[in-house]
Amino acid sequence: MRRALLSAAAALAATAALAHEAHPPPAAGGPAFPIAAPGSYRLPPIKPAAGGAVLDETGRPQDLRRDALLGRLTVLALIYTRCGDVCPVASADMARLQDLAAKDAPLSRRLHLVTLSFDPEHDTPAVMRDYAATWRSSDPGAPAWRFLTAPDRNALAPILAAYGQRVDARPGAAGGPLNHVFRAFLIDRDGRIRNIYSLDFFEPALVINDVRTLLLEAAGTEER
């Protein structure tokens, strides 16, 4: 199932408009731009990553920052499961990122993936649990990947505002009922946003190099 979804997402990326705003399709077989070597650049802190009330796949209440972001490097992606264009491609990229990270055991132990839905009326914990089952790797060496939702729209609103994620209703539209532009965030273990990715630049190899850059930064800090 997971392999079929990855293939379907690749086909979608090559043929569909990749957002509710236009994005060019990613190049097949790898990034369409050069990727700098880990540690050859810096990723200065942008701002603190926000918290807020969320629910995990079992329905257990959690705080996004305290329970899901602090302590490990995290890639946080914002999506919704009824989306028919951007979000399947983004989830496929997260799956590819998980597979790539699994090849580097020390990195995998320090990395955490989080997918948060901004459609709480539909994306209940049970829906997110089913969605997770279609995308998450069964490889025990892969980094953990959590799928979260919000208890309601009121709890979600301050989270979206803090991350600059605009979501508008567009009932009956092709691709899904919500209008949005995909955003993902690289967050360090101290809960600071270190990079923000649009779909155009959410390339797993690039994200892995950014993670390695932050790990090298942390190692250098510990040595001083």
Protein backbone atom coordinates (compact mmCIF):
# COMPACT_ATOMS: atom_id res chain seq x y z
CA MET A 1 0.00 0.00 0.00
CA ARG A 2 2.71 2.48 0.99
CA ARG A 3 4.72 1.78 -2.15
CA ALA A 4 1.60 2.29 -4.28
CA LEU A 5 0.87 5.59 -2.56
CA LEU A 6 4.40 6.83 -3.17
CA SER A 7 4.07 5.95 -6.85
CA ALA A 8 0.67 7.60 -7.08
CA ALA A 9 1.98 10.75 -5.40
CA ALA A 10 4.89 10.89 -7.84
CA ALA A 11 2.46 10.65 -10.75
CA LEU A 12 0.29 13.34 -9.20
CA ALA A 13 3.29 15.61 -8.77
CA ALA A 14 4.16 15.24 -12.44
CA THR A 15 0.68 15.88 -13.79
CA ALA A 16 -1.30 18.04 -11.37
CA ALA A 17 -1.07 21.65 -10.29
CA LEU A 18 0.85 21.09 -7.10
CA ALA A 19 -0.98 23.54 -4.91
CA HIS A 20 -4.03 25.61 -4.49
CA GLU A 21 -1.53 28.16 -5.80
CA ALA A 22 0.69 27.15 -8.72
CA HIS A 23 3.87 25.16 -8.08
CA PRO A 24 6.09 23.62 -10.75
CA PRO A 25 6.40 19.82 -10.47
CA PRO A 26 9.58 18.52 -8.81
CA ALA A 27 12.19 16.95 -11.04
CA ALA A 28 11.97 13.18 -11.26
CA GLY A 29 14.73 11.25 -9.56
CA GLY A 30 16.08 13.99 -7.32
CA PRO A 31 16.31 17.71 -6.56
CA ALA A 32 16.16 20.27 -9.34
CA PHE A 33 18.76 22.43 -7.59
CA PRO A 34 22.24 21.92 -6.08
CA ILE A 35 22.36 20.97 -2.41
CA ALA A 36 25.17 22.35 -0.26
CA ALA A 37 27.24 20.03 1.90
CA PRO A 38 26.14 19.67 5.54
CA GLY A 39 27.92 22.16 7.78
CA SER A 40 28.95 24.43 4.88
CA TYR A 41 26.13 26.84 5.76
CA ARG A 42 24.24 28.07 8.80
CA LEU A 43 20.56 27.93 9.68
CA PRO A 44 20.05 30.77 12.17
CA PRO A 45 17.04 30.52 14.48
CA ILE A 46 13.97 32.15 12.93
CA LYS A 47 11.58 32.19 15.89
CA PRO A 48 10.30 29.88 18.65
CA ALA A 49 8.04 27.06 17.49
CA ALA A 50 4.56 27.47 18.91
CA GLY A 51 2.66 25.07 21.09
CA GLY A 52 -1.05 24.55 21.46
CA ALA A 53 -3.65 21.93 22.26
CA VAL A 54 -3.51 18.88 19.97
CA LEU A 55 -4.62 15.25 20.03
CA ASP A 56 -2.52 12.23 19.15
CA GLU A 57 -3.79 9.21 17.19
CA THR A 58 -5.31 7.70 20.34
CA GLY A 59 -7.18 10.90 21.20
CA ARG A 60 -4.85 11.77 24.08
CA PRO A 61 -4.54 15.54 24.69
CA GLN A 62 -1.05 16.95 24.26
CA ASP A 63 0.72 20.27 23.86
CA LEU A 64 2.31 20.55 20.43
CA ARG A 65 5.52 22.20 21.63
CA ARG A 66 6.06 20.46 24.95
CA ASP A 67 5.05 16.94 23.95
CA ALA A 68 5.81 16.75 20.22
CA LEU A 69 8.63 19.18 19.41
CA LEU A 70 11.11 19.61 22.26
CA GLY A 71 14.09 17.31 22.75
CA ARG A 72 14.75 16.14 19.18
CA LEU A 73 15.13 17.68 15.78
CA THR A 74 11.67 17.75 14.25
CA VAL A 75 10.21 18.18 10.80
CA LEU A 76 6.65 19.46 11.21
CA ALA A 77 4.33 19.34 8.17
CA LEU A 78 0.85 20.87 8.07
CA ILE A 79 -1.69 19.06 5.88
CA TYR A 80 -5.25 17.71 5.80
CA THR A 81 -6.32 14.25 4.70
CA ARG A 82 -9.14 15.31 2.33
CA CYS A 83 -6.65 17.28 0.20
CA GLY A 84 -6.33 15.82 -3.30
CA ASP A 85 -3.27 17.59 -4.68
CA VAL A 86 -0.60 19.18 -2.45
CA CYS A 87 -0.98 17.07 0.67
CA PRO A 88 -0.51 13.58 -0.85
CA VAL A 89 2.67 14.85 -2.52
CA ALA A 90 3.88 16.37 0.75
CA SER A 91 3.09 13.17 2.67
CA ALA A 92 5.00 11.18 0.05
CA ASP A 93 7.96 13.52 0.57
CA MET A 94 7.71 12.93 4.33
CA ALA A 95 7.68 9.17 3.69
CA ARG A 96 10.75 9.50 1.48
CA LEU A 97 12.39 11.58 4.19
CA GLN A 98 11.65 8.86 6.75
CA ASP A 99 13.15 6.21 4.45
CA LEU A 100 16.25 8.31 3.76
CA ALA A 101 16.79 9.02 7.45
CA ALA A 102 16.50 5.31 8.26
CA LYS A 103 19.75 4.73 6.35
CA ASP A 104 21.66 6.81 8.95
CA ALA A 105 21.03 5.29 12.39
CA PRO A 106 22.58 8.10 14.51
CA LEU A 107 20.60 10.72 12.58
CA SER A 108 17.40 8.66 12.71
CA ARG A 109 17.57 8.45 16.51
CA ARG A 110 17.75 12.24 16.72
CA LEU A 111 15.03 13.05 14.20
CA HIS A 112 11.28 13.16 14.72
CA LEU A 113 8.59 13.66 12.08
CA VAL A 114 5.24 15.24 12.91
CA THR A 115 2.22 15.69 10.64
CA LEU A 116 -0.48 18.02 11.96
CA SER A 117 -3.91 18.31 10.35
CA PHE A 118 -5.68 21.67 10.07
CA ASP A 119 -9.07 20.03 9.39
CA PRO A 120 -10.20 18.92 12.87
CA GLU A 121 -13.87 18.49 11.94
CA HIS A 122 -12.95 15.68 9.55
CA ASP A 123 -9.49 14.62 10.70
CA THR A 124 -10.32 13.01 14.02
CA PRO A 125 -7.71 10.97 15.85
CA ALA A 126 -9.15 7.83 14.25
CA VAL A 127 -8.84 9.34 10.75
CA MET A 128 -5.26 10.38 11.49
CA ARG A 129 -4.50 6.87 12.75
CA ASP A 130 -5.73 5.39 9.48
CA TYR A 131 -3.83 8.01 7.49
CA ALA A 132 -0.66 7.22 9.44
CA ALA A 133 -1.01 3.53 8.62
CA THR A 134 -0.89 4.27 4.89
CA TRP A 135 2.27 6.40 5.02
CA ARG A 136 4.40 5.47 8.04
CA SER A 137 7.30 3.06 7.49
CA SER A 138 7.41 -0.27 9.34
CA ASP A 139 11.22 -0.13 9.39
CA PRO A 140 12.25 -0.23 13.08
CA GLY A 141 15.28 1.91 12.21
CA ALA A 142 13.18 4.73 10.78
CA PRO A 143 12.60 7.92 12.78
CA ALA A 144 9.35 8.20 14.69
CA TRP A 145 6.51 9.84 12.78
CA ARG A 146 3.54 11.19 14.74
CA PHE A 147 0.18 12.21 13.28
CA LEU A 148 -1.73 14.84 15.23
CA THR A 149 -4.94 16.83 14.95
CA ALA A 150 -6.60 19.57 16.99
CA PRO A 151 -9.59 19.05 19.29
CA ASP A 152 -11.54 21.78 17.47
CA ARG A 153 -11.23 24.86 15.30
CA ASN A 154 -10.85 27.20 18.30
CA ALA A 155 -7.83 25.27 19.56
CA LEU A 156 -6.35 25.16 16.07
CA ALA A 157 -6.64 28.89 15.25
CA PRO A 158 -3.74 30.16 17.41
CA ILE A 159 -1.49 27.36 16.17
CA LEU A 160 -2.12 28.26 12.53
CA ALA A 161 -1.59 31.95 13.30
CA ALA A 162 1.71 31.27 15.04
CA TYR A 163 3.01 29.24 12.09
CA GLY A 164 1.67 31.65 9.46
CA GLN A 165 -0.48 28.92 7.93
CA ARG A 166 -3.53 30.43 6.25
CA VAL A 167 -6.43 28.08 5.54
CA ASP A 168 -9.61 29.16 3.75
CA ALA A 169 -12.74 27.22 2.86
CA ARG A 170 -13.50 26.54 -0.79
CA PRO A 171 -16.48 24.12 -0.77
CA GLY A 172 -16.89 21.93 -3.80
CA ALA A 173 -13.52 22.80 -5.33
CA ALA A 174 -11.37 20.22 -7.06
CA GLY A 175 -8.47 19.04 -4.91
CA GLY A 176 -10.28 19.38 -1.61
CA PRO A 177 -12.49 21.76 0.39
CA LEU A 178 -9.69 23.89 1.88
CA ASN A 179 -7.42 26.43 0.23
CA HIS A 180 -3.85 26.58 1.55
CA VAL A 181 -0.18 26.71 0.61
CA PHE A 182 1.93 23.87 1.98
CA ARG A 183 4.45 24.69 4.69
CA ALA A 184 6.83 22.49 6.67
CA PHE A 185 9.19 23.50 9.45
CA LEU A 186 12.56 22.27 10.66
CA ILE A 187 12.65 22.72 14.43
CA ASP A 188 15.70 22.20 16.63
CA ARG A 189 15.70 20.33 19.92
CA ASP A 190 15.30 23.60 21.84
CA GLY A 191 12.05 24.31 20.01
CA ARG A 192 13.32 26.95 17.58
CA ILE A 193 12.31 27.05 13.91
CA ARG A 194 15.47 26.80 11.80
CA ASN A 195 14.05 26.49 8.29
CA ILE A 196 10.66 26.80 6.55
CA TYR A 197 9.95 24.81 3.38
CA SER A 198 7.45 25.35 0.63
CA LEU A 199 6.55 22.34 -1.49
CA ASP A 200 9.03 23.50 -4.15
CA PHE A 201 11.92 23.05 -1.69
CA PHE A 202 10.62 20.20 0.45
CA GLU A 203 13.19 17.81 -1.02
CA PRO A 204 14.13 14.97 1.36
CA ALA A 205 17.85 15.14 0.49
CA LEU A 206 17.88 18.87 1.26
CA VAL A 207 16.04 18.37 4.55
CA ILE A 208 18.47 15.62 5.58
CA ASN A 209 21.41 17.94 4.89
CA ASP A 210 19.75 20.63 6.99
CA VAL A 211 19.31 18.11 9.81
CA ARG A 212 22.97 17.11 9.54
CA THR A 213 23.96 20.77 9.60
CA LEU A 214 22.11 21.26 12.88
CA LEU A 215 23.63 18.09 14.33
CA LEU A 216 27.11 19.36 13.44
CA GLU A 217 26.25 22.70 15.03
CA ALA A 218 25.10 20.97 18.21
CA ALA A 219 28.23 18.80 18.32
CA GLY A 220 30.43 21.89 17.99
CA THR A 221 28.56 23.63 20.78
CA GLU A 222 28.96 20.62 23.09
CA GLU A 223 32.72 20.51 22.45
CA ARG A 224 33.23 24.14 23.51
